[in-house]
Amino acid sequence: MAAIKMDRLDIRISPEDKETLELAAAAKRVSLSSYIVSAVMERAQNDLEQERRVALSRNAWNQVMDLVDNPPEPNEALRRLLKP
């Protein structure tokens, strides 16, 4: 079985923050590293999901759906682009 290469991340936090994290990790019965990685990855995934999401007003959504259902005729530039 091949070993998985792990990277190291060094951070600086206050003693009070470290104590809070240690207590929370102990309450979950996991290592401090596991606790931090789990929490940070969950936050990172949520942040990335928010960045990928596009929010449209009801009016904008209706306009998009109308264009999907009734696309405009291709203009000359598009015809040239699609020409083999």
PDB file of N, CA and C in Angstrom:
ATOM      1  N   MET A   1       0.839  -1.174   0.000  1.00  0.00           N
ATOM      2  CA  MET A   1       0.000   0.000   0.000  1.00  0.00           C
ATOM      3  C   MET A   1       0.889   1.245   0.000  1.00  0.00           C
ATOM      4  N   ALA A   2       0.623   2.167  -0.928  1.00  0.00           N
ATOM      5  CA  ALA A   2       1.433   3.377  -1.036  1.00  0.00           C
ATOM      6  C   ALA A   2       1.077   4.358   0.072  1.00  0.00           C
ATOM      7  N   ALA A   3       2.104   5.004   0.586  1.00  0.00           N
ATOM      8  CA  ALA A   3       1.890   6.005   1.635  1.00  0.00           C
ATOM      9  C   ALA A   3       1.332   7.278   1.017  1.00  0.00           C
ATOM     10  N   ILE A   4       0.396   7.905   1.716  1.00  0.00           N
ATOM     11  CA  ILE A   4      -0.178   9.159   1.250  1.00  0.00           C
ATOM     12  C   ILE A   4       0.678  10.302   1.768  1.00  0.00           C
ATOM     13  N   LYS A   5       1.114  11.149   0.849  1.00  0.00           N
ATOM     14  CA  LYS A   5       1.928  12.297   1.242  1.00  0.00           C
ATOM     15  C   LYS A   5       1.027  13.335   1.892  1.00  0.00           C
ATOM     16  N   MET A   6       1.404  13.782   3.054  1.00  0.00           N
ATOM     17  CA  MET A   6       0.633  14.784   3.776  1.00  0.00           C
ATOM     18  C   MET A   6       1.438  16.078   3.835  1.00  0.00           C
ATOM     19  N   ASP A   7       0.777  17.193   3.579  1.00  0.00           N
ATOM     20  CA  ASP A   7       1.409  18.496   3.714  1.00  0.00           C
ATOM     21  C   ASP A   7       1.179  19.025   5.121  1.00  0.00           C
ATOM     22  N   ARG A   8       2.026  19.953   5.495  1.00  0.00           N
ATOM     23  CA  ARG A   8       1.929  20.544   6.821  1.00  0.00           C
ATOM     24  C   ARG A   8       1.474  21.987   6.665  1.00  0.00           C
ATOM     25  N   LEU A   9       0.631  22.444   7.581  1.00  0.00           N
ATOM     26  CA  LEU A   9       0.154  23.817   7.600  1.00  0.00           C
ATOM     27  C   LEU A   9       0.422  24.382   8.985  1.00  0.00           C
ATOM     28  N   ASP A  10       1.198  25.436   9.045  1.00  0.00           N
ATOM     29  CA  ASP A  10       1.500  26.077  10.322  1.00  0.00           C
ATOM     30  C   ASP A  10       0.647  27.324  10.473  1.00  0.00           C
ATOM     31  N   ILE A  11      -0.004  27.449  11.612  1.00  0.00           N
ATOM     32  CA  ILE A  11      -0.799  28.637  11.893  1.00  0.00           C
ATOM     33  C   ILE A  11      -0.462  29.141  13.292  1.00  0.00           C
ATOM     34  N   ARG A  12      -0.736  30.401  13.506  1.00  0.00           N
ATOM     35  CA  ARG A  12      -0.540  30.988  14.830  1.00  0.00           C
ATOM     36  C   ARG A  12      -1.897  31.437  15.350  1.00  0.00           C
ATOM     37  N   ILE A  13      -2.208  31.007  16.566  1.00  0.00           N
ATOM     38  CA  ILE A  13      -3.458  31.411  17.213  1.00  0.00           C
ATOM     39  C   ILE A  13      -3.170  31.748  18.670  1.00  0.00           C
ATOM     40  N   SER A  14      -4.093  32.445  19.267  1.00  0.00           N
ATOM     41  CA  SER A  14      -3.919  32.820  20.670  1.00  0.00           C
ATOM     42  C   SER A  14      -4.037  31.576  21.551  1.00  0.00           C
ATOM     43  N   PRO A  15      -3.438  31.617  22.727  1.00  0.00           N
ATOM     44  CA  PRO A  15      -3.563  30.485  23.652  1.00  0.00           C
ATOM     45  C   PRO A  15      -5.031  30.186  23.993  1.00  0.00           C
ATOM     46  N   GLU A  16      -5.846  31.223  24.083  1.00  0.00           N
ATOM     47  CA  GLU A  16      -7.264  31.017  24.402  1.00  0.00           C
ATOM     48  C   GLU A  16      -7.987  30.284  23.270  1.00  0.00           C
ATOM     49  N   ASP A  17      -7.689  30.677  22.030  1.00  0.00           N
ATOM     50  CA  ASP A  17      -8.308  29.993  20.891  1.00  0.00           C
ATOM     51  C   ASP A  17      -7.857  28.543  20.815  1.00  0.00           C
ATOM     52  N   LYS A  18      -6.581  28.306  21.088  1.00  0.00           N
ATOM     53  CA  LYS A  18      -6.064  26.932  21.053  1.00  0.00           C
ATOM     54  C   LYS A  18      -6.751  26.089  22.112  1.00  0.00           C
ATOM     55  N   GLU A  19      -6.925  26.652  23.295  1.00  0.00           N
ATOM     56  CA  GLU A  19      -7.588  25.910  24.371  1.00  0.00           C
ATOM     57  C   GLU A  19      -9.030  25.571  23.982  1.00  0.00           C
ATOM     58  N   THR A  20      -9.717  26.521  23.384  1.00  0.00           N
ATOM     59  CA  THR A  20     -11.094  26.277  22.940  1.00  0.00           C
ATOM     60  C   THR A  20     -11.135  25.143  21.924  1.00  0.00           C
ATOM     61  N   LEU A  21     -10.218  25.184  20.955  1.00  0.00           N
ATOM     62  CA  LEU A  21     -10.170  24.127  19.950  1.00  0.00           C
ATOM     63  C   LEU A  21      -9.834  22.769  20.573  1.00  0.00           C
ATOM     64  N   GLU A  22      -8.912  22.755  21.498  1.00  0.00           N
ATOM     65  CA  GLU A  22      -8.548  21.496  22.171  1.00  0.00           C
ATOM     66  C   GLU A  22      -9.738  20.932  22.941  1.00  0.00           C
ATOM     67  N   LEU A  23     -10.478  21.794  23.630  1.00  0.00           N
ATOM     68  CA  LEU A  23     -11.655  21.333  24.372  1.00  0.00           C
ATOM     69  C   LEU A  23     -12.726  20.786  23.428  1.00  0.00           C
ATOM     70  N   ALA A  24     -12.931  21.477  22.317  1.00  0.00           N
ATOM     71  CA  ALA A  24     -13.926  21.013  21.349  1.00  0.00           C
ATOM     72  C   ALA A  24     -13.510  19.681  20.731  1.00  0.00           C
ATOM     73  N   ALA A  25     -12.232  19.547  20.396  1.00  0.00           N
ATOM     74  CA  ALA A  25     -11.736  18.288  19.826  1.00  0.00           C
ATOM     75  C   ALA A  25     -11.893  17.156  20.832  1.00  0.00           C
ATOM     76  N   ALA A  26     -11.566  17.435  22.092  1.00  0.00           N
ATOM     77  CA  ALA A  26     -11.703  16.411  23.135  1.00  0.00           C
ATOM     78  C   ALA A  26     -13.163  16.010  23.307  1.00  0.00           C
ATOM     79  N   ALA A  27     -14.073  16.977  23.217  1.00  0.00           N
ATOM     80  CA  ALA A  27     -15.500  16.677  23.354  1.00  0.00           C
ATOM     81  C   ALA A  27     -15.974  15.761  22.227  1.00  0.00           C
ATOM     82  N   LYS A  28     -15.392  15.904  21.060  1.00  0.00           N
ATOM     83  CA  LYS A  28     -15.737  15.050  19.916  1.00  0.00           C
ATOM     84  C   LYS A  28     -14.912  13.774  19.878  1.00  0.00           C
ATOM     85  N   ARG A  29     -13.954  13.672  20.785  1.00  0.00           N
ATOM     86  CA  ARG A  29     -13.059  12.516  20.878  1.00  0.00           C
ATOM     87  C   ARG A  29     -12.250  12.301  19.600  1.00  0.00           C
ATOM     88  N   VAL A  30     -11.721  13.395  19.079  1.00  0.00           N
ATOM     89  CA  VAL A  30     -10.845  13.341  17.912  1.00  0.00           C
ATOM     90  C   VAL A  30      -9.603  14.177  18.214  1.00  0.00           C
ATOM     91  N   SER A  31      -8.584  13.992  17.410  1.00  0.00           N
ATOM     92  CA  SER A  31      -7.371  14.782  17.605  1.00  0.00           C
ATOM     93  C   SER A  31      -7.644  16.239  17.228  1.00  0.00           C
ATOM     94  N   LEU A  32      -6.806  17.105  17.737  1.00  0.00           N
ATOM     95  CA  LEU A  32      -6.928  18.518  17.415  1.00  0.00           C
ATOM     96  C   LEU A  32      -6.793  18.733  15.915  1.00  0.00           C
ATOM     97  N   SER A  33      -5.823  18.072  15.304  1.00  0.00           N
ATOM     98  CA  SER A  33      -5.638  18.203  13.858  1.00  0.00           C
ATOM     99  C   SER A  33      -6.879  17.751  13.091  1.00  0.00           C
ATOM    100  N   SER A  34      -7.427  16.607  13.460  1.00  0.00           N
ATOM    101  CA  SER A  34      -8.624  16.098  12.781  1.00  0.00           C
ATOM    102  C   SER A  34      -9.795  17.052  12.946  1.00  0.00           C
ATOM    103  N   TYR A  35      -9.944  17.589  14.138  1.00  0.00           N
ATOM    104  CA  TYR A  35     -11.034  18.516  14.408  1.00  0.00           C
ATOM    105  C   TYR A  35     -10.910  19.764  13.537  1.00  0.00           C
ATOM    106  N   ILE A  36      -9.712  20.338  13.489  1.00  0.00           N
ATOM    107  CA  ILE A  36      -9.489  21.560  12.721  1.00  0.00           C
ATOM    108  C   ILE A  36      -9.674  21.298  11.229  1.00  0.00           C
ATOM    109  N   VAL A  37      -9.089  20.231  10.721  1.00  0.00           N
ATOM    110  CA  VAL A  37      -9.206  19.934   9.293  1.00  0.00           C
ATOM    111  C   VAL A  37     -10.672  19.707   8.922  1.00  0.00           C
ATOM    112  N   SER A  38     -11.390  18.969   9.731  1.00  0.00           N
ATOM    113  CA  SER A  38     -12.798  18.700   9.450  1.00  0.00           C
ATOM    114  C   SER A  38     -13.605  19.996   9.406  1.00  0.00           C
ATOM    115  N   ALA A  39     -13.419  20.853  10.390  1.00  0.00           N
ATOM    116  CA  ALA A  39     -14.173  22.115  10.455  1.00  0.00           C
ATOM    117  C   ALA A  39     -13.804  23.042   9.306  1.00  0.00           C
ATOM    118  N   VAL A  40     -12.523  23.143   9.023  1.00  0.00           N
ATOM    119  CA  VAL A  40     -12.074  24.054   7.965  1.00  0.00           C
ATOM    120  C   VAL A  40     -12.510  23.541   6.595  1.00  0.00           C
ATOM    121  N   MET A  41     -12.448  22.252   6.366  1.00  0.00           N
ATOM    122  CA  MET A  41     -12.869  21.704   5.075  1.00  0.00           C
ATOM    123  C   MET A  41     -14.366  21.900   4.860  1.00  0.00           C
ATOM    124  N   GLU A  42     -15.150  21.728   5.904  1.00  0.00           N
ATOM    125  CA  GLU A  42     -16.595  21.962   5.781  1.00  0.00           C
ATOM    126  C   GLU A  42     -16.858  23.418   5.398  1.00  0.00           C
ATOM    127  N   ARG A  43     -16.169  24.322   6.060  1.00  0.00           N
ATOM    128  CA  ARG A  43     -16.335  25.755   5.751  1.00  0.00           C
ATOM    129  C   ARG A  43     -15.863  26.055   4.331  1.00  0.00           C
ATOM    130  N   ALA A  44     -14.728  25.489   3.928  1.00  0.00           N
ATOM    131  CA  ALA A  44     -14.199  25.734   2.587  1.00  0.00           C
ATOM    132  C   ALA A  44     -15.169  25.223   1.519  1.00  0.00           C
ATOM    133  N   GLN A  45     -15.737  24.050   1.731  1.00  0.00           N
ATOM    134  CA  GLN A  45     -16.684  23.503   0.763  1.00  0.00           C
ATOM    135  C   GLN A  45     -17.931  24.375   0.663  1.00  0.00           C
ATOM    136  N   ASN A  46     -18.419  24.870   1.794  1.00  0.00           N
ATOM    137  CA  ASN A  46     -19.571  25.771   1.777  1.00  0.00           C
ATOM    138  C   ASN A  46     -19.239  27.068   1.056  1.00  0.00           C
ATOM    139  N   ASP A  47     -18.065  27.627   1.324  1.00  0.00           N
ATOM    140  CA  ASP A  47     -17.654  28.871   0.672  1.00  0.00           C
ATOM    141  C   ASP A  47     -17.537  28.680  -0.833  1.00  0.00           C
ATOM    142  N   LEU A  48     -16.944  27.566  -1.267  1.00  0.00           N
ATOM    143  CA  LEU A  48     -16.808  27.301  -2.701  1.00  0.00           C
ATOM    144  C   LEU A  48     -18.168  27.097  -3.355  1.00  0.00           C
ATOM    145  N   GLU A  49     -19.057  26.416  -2.664  1.00  0.00           N
ATOM    146  CA  GLU A  49     -20.404  26.208  -3.199  1.00  0.00           C
ATOM    147  C   GLU A  49     -21.111  27.548  -3.382  1.00  0.00           C
ATOM    148  N   GLN A  50     -20.958  28.446  -2.426  1.00  0.00           N
ATOM    149  CA  GLN A  50     -21.558  29.776  -2.546  1.00  0.00           C
ATOM    150  C   GLN A  50     -20.989  30.537  -3.737  1.00  0.00           C
ATOM    151  N   GLU A  51     -19.685  30.401  -3.975  1.00  0.00           N
ATOM    152  CA  GLU A  51     -19.043  31.086  -5.094  1.00  0.00           C
ATOM    153  C   GLU A  51     -19.512  30.553  -6.436  1.00  0.00           C
ATOM    154  N   ARG A  52     -19.859  29.279  -6.489  1.00  0.00           N
ATOM    155  CA  ARG A  52     -20.270  28.643  -7.748  1.00  0.00           C
ATOM    156  C   ARG A  52     -21.742  28.875  -8.065  1.00  0.00           C
ATOM    157  N   ARG A  53     -22.498  29.283  -7.070  1.00  0.00           N
ATOM    158  CA  ARG A  53     -23.934  29.455  -7.235  1.00  0.00           C
ATOM    159  C   ARG A  53     -24.235  30.836  -7.813  1.00  0.00           C
ATOM    160  N   VAL A  54     -25.152  30.865  -8.747  1.00  0.00           N
ATOM    161  CA  VAL A  54     -25.591  32.120  -9.357  1.00  0.00           C
ATOM    162  C   VAL A  54     -27.022  32.369  -8.902  1.00  0.00           C
ATOM    163  N   ALA A  55     -27.257  33.513  -8.321  1.00  0.00           N
ATOM    164  CA  ALA A  55     -28.601  33.855  -7.862  1.00  0.00           C
ATOM    165  C   ALA A  55     -29.244  34.803  -8.863  1.00  0.00           C
ATOM    166  N   LEU A  56     -30.433  34.445  -9.303  1.00  0.00           N
ATOM    167  CA  LEU A  56     -31.171  35.274 -10.244  1.00  0.00           C
ATOM    168  C   LEU A  56     -32.488  35.702  -9.624  1.00  0.00           C
ATOM    169  N   SER A  57     -32.924  36.899  -9.974  1.00  0.00           N
ATOM    170  CA  SER A  57     -34.266  37.331  -9.587  1.00  0.00           C
ATOM    171  C   SER A  57     -35.270  36.501 -10.391  1.00  0.00           C
ATOM    172  N   ARG A  58     -36.503  36.532  -9.961  1.00  0.00           N
ATOM    173  CA  ARG A  58     -37.541  35.782 -10.688  1.00  0.00           C
ATOM    174  C   ARG A  58     -37.635  36.292 -12.128  1.00  0.00           C
ATOM    175  N   ASN A  59     -37.521  37.601 -12.311  1.00  0.00           N
ATOM    176  CA  ASN A  59     -37.595  38.185 -13.653  1.00  0.00           C
ATOM    177  C   ASN A  59     -36.420  37.711 -14.516  1.00  0.00           C
ATOM    178  N   ALA A  60     -35.219  37.744 -13.968  1.00  0.00           N
ATOM    179  CA  ALA A  60     -34.043  37.294 -14.724  1.00  0.00           C
ATOM    180  C   ALA A  60     -34.164  35.811 -15.067  1.00  0.00           C
ATOM    181  N   TRP A  61     -34.639  35.006 -14.118  1.00  0.00           N
ATOM    182  CA  TRP A  61     -34.830  33.572 -14.371  1.00  0.00           C
ATOM    183  C   TRP A  61     -35.824  33.364 -15.522  1.00  0.00           C
ATOM    184  N   ASN A  62     -36.909  34.107 -15.498  1.00  0.00           N
ATOM    185  CA  ASN A  62     -37.907  33.985 -16.566  1.00  0.00           C
ATOM    186  C   ASN A  62     -37.318  34.385 -17.918  1.00  0.00           C
ATOM    187  N   GLN A  63     -36.463  35.402 -17.936  1.00  0.00           N
ATOM    188  CA  GLN A  63     -35.816  35.808 -19.181  1.00  0.00           C
ATOM    189  C   GLN A  63     -34.898  34.712 -19.705  1.00  0.00           C
ATOM    190  N   VAL A  64     -34.137  34.098 -18.816  1.00  0.00           N
ATOM    191  CA  VAL A  64     -33.245  33.009 -19.226  1.00  0.00           C
ATOM    192  C   VAL A  64     -34.064  31.844 -19.777  1.00  0.00           C
ATOM    193  N   MET A  65     -35.116  31.475 -19.072  1.00  0.00           N
ATOM    194  CA  MET A  65     -35.945  30.355 -19.528  1.00  0.00           C
ATOM    195  C   MET A  65     -36.614  30.674 -20.867  1.00  0.00           C
ATOM    196  N   ASP A  66     -37.013  31.922 -21.063  1.00  0.00           N
ATOM    197  CA  ASP A  66     -37.596  32.311 -22.344  1.00  0.00           C
ATOM    198  C   ASP A  66     -36.578  32.176 -23.474  1.00  0.00           C
ATOM    199  N   LEU A  67     -35.322  32.558 -23.204  1.00  0.00           N
ATOM    200  CA  LEU A  67     -34.273  32.419 -24.220  1.00  0.00           C
ATOM    201  C   LEU A  67     -33.960  30.947 -24.508  1.00  0.00           C
ATOM    202  N   VAL A  68     -34.034  30.105 -23.491  1.00  0.00           N
ATOM    203  CA  VAL A  68     -33.811  28.671 -23.699  1.00  0.00           C
ATOM    204  C   VAL A  68     -34.936  28.096 -24.559  1.00  0.00           C
ATOM    205  N   ASP A  69     -36.156  28.486 -24.245  1.00  0.00           N
ATOM    206  CA  ASP A  69     -37.312  27.970 -24.987  1.00  0.00           C
ATOM    207  C   ASP A  69     -37.446  28.585 -26.377  1.00  0.00           C
ATOM    208  N   ASN A  70     -37.004  29.830 -26.519  1.00  0.00           N
ATOM    209  CA  ASN A  70     -37.155  30.558 -27.782  1.00  0.00           C
ATOM    210  C   ASN A  70     -35.842  31.249 -28.143  1.00  0.00           C
ATOM    211  N   PRO A  71     -34.844  30.478 -28.533  1.00  0.00           N
ATOM    212  CA  PRO A  71     -33.535  31.091 -28.820  1.00  0.00           C
ATOM    213  C   PRO A  71     -33.619  32.021 -30.025  1.00  0.00           C
ATOM    214  N   PRO A  72     -32.843  33.105 -30.008  1.00  0.00           N
ATOM    215  CA  PRO A  72     -32.845  34.013 -31.157  1.00  0.00           C
ATOM    216  C   PRO A  72     -32.157  33.354 -32.355  1.00  0.00           C
ATOM    217  N   GLU A  73     -32.452  33.881 -33.528  1.00  0.00           N
ATOM    218  CA  GLU A  73     -31.789  33.393 -34.730  1.00  0.00           C
ATOM    219  C   GLU A  73     -30.306  33.724 -34.649  1.00  0.00           C
ATOM    220  N   PRO A  74     -29.438  32.809 -35.130  1.00  0.00           N
ATOM    221  CA  PRO A  74     -28.000  33.098 -35.085  1.00  0.00           C
ATOM    222  C   PRO A  74     -27.648  34.281 -35.979  1.00  0.00           C
ATOM    223  N   ASN A  75     -26.743  35.128 -35.497  1.00  0.00           N
ATOM    224  CA  ASN A  75     -26.301  36.259 -36.318  1.00  0.00           C
ATOM    225  C   ASN A  75     -25.150  35.804 -37.220  1.00  0.00           C
ATOM    226  N   GLU A  76     -24.691  36.707 -38.066  1.00  0.00           N
ATOM    227  CA  GLU A  76     -23.649  36.359 -39.044  1.00  0.00           C
ATOM    228  C   GLU A  76     -22.365  35.896 -38.367  1.00  0.00           C
ATOM    229  N   ALA A  77     -21.980  36.554 -37.281  1.00  0.00           N
ATOM    230  CA  ALA A  77     -20.744  36.171 -36.582  1.00  0.00           C
ATOM    231  C   ALA A  77     -20.836  34.740 -36.058  1.00  0.00           C
ATOM    232  N   LEU A  78     -21.978  34.358 -35.511  1.00  0.00           N
ATOM    233  CA  LEU A  78     -22.158  32.990 -35.022  1.00  0.00           C
ATOM    234  C   LEU A  78     -22.158  31.996 -36.175  1.00  0.00           C
ATOM    235  N   ARG A  79     -22.793  32.352 -37.280  1.00  0.00           N
ATOM    236  CA  ARG A  79     -22.782  31.452 -38.442  1.00  0.00           C
ATOM    237  C   ARG A  79     -21.362  31.200 -38.933  1.00  0.00           C
ATOM    238  N   ARG A  80     -20.555  32.276 -39.005  1.00  0.00           N
ATOM    239  CA  ARG A  80     -19.159  32.111 -39.430  1.00  0.00           C
ATOM    240  C   ARG A  80     -18.389  31.235 -38.451  1.00  0.00           C
ATOM    241  N   LEU A  81     -18.624  31.423 -37.174  1.00  0.00           N
ATOM    242  CA  LEU A  81     -17.920  30.653 -36.152  1.00  0.00           C
ATOM    243  C   LEU A  81     -18.251  29.164 -36.259  1.00  0.00           C
ATOM    244  N   LEU A  82     -19.476  28.844 -36.556  1.00  0.00           N
ATOM    245  CA  LEU A  82     -19.922  27.453 -36.605  1.00  0.00           C
ATOM    246  C   LEU A  82     -19.703  26.797 -37.967  1.00  0.00           C
ATOM    247  N   LYS A  83     -19.293  27.583 -38.943  1.00  0.00           N
ATOM    248  CA  LYS A  83     -19.092  27.052 -40.291  1.00  0.00           C
ATOM    249  C   LYS A  83     -17.864  26.125 -40.284  1.00  0.00           C
ATOM    250  N   PRO A  84     -17.991  24.908 -40.881  1.00  0.00           N
ATOM    251  CA  PRO A  84     -16.854  23.967 -40.881  1.00  0.00           C
ATOM    252  C   PRO A  84     -15.670  24.435 -41.693  1.00  0.00           C
TER     253      PRO A  84
END
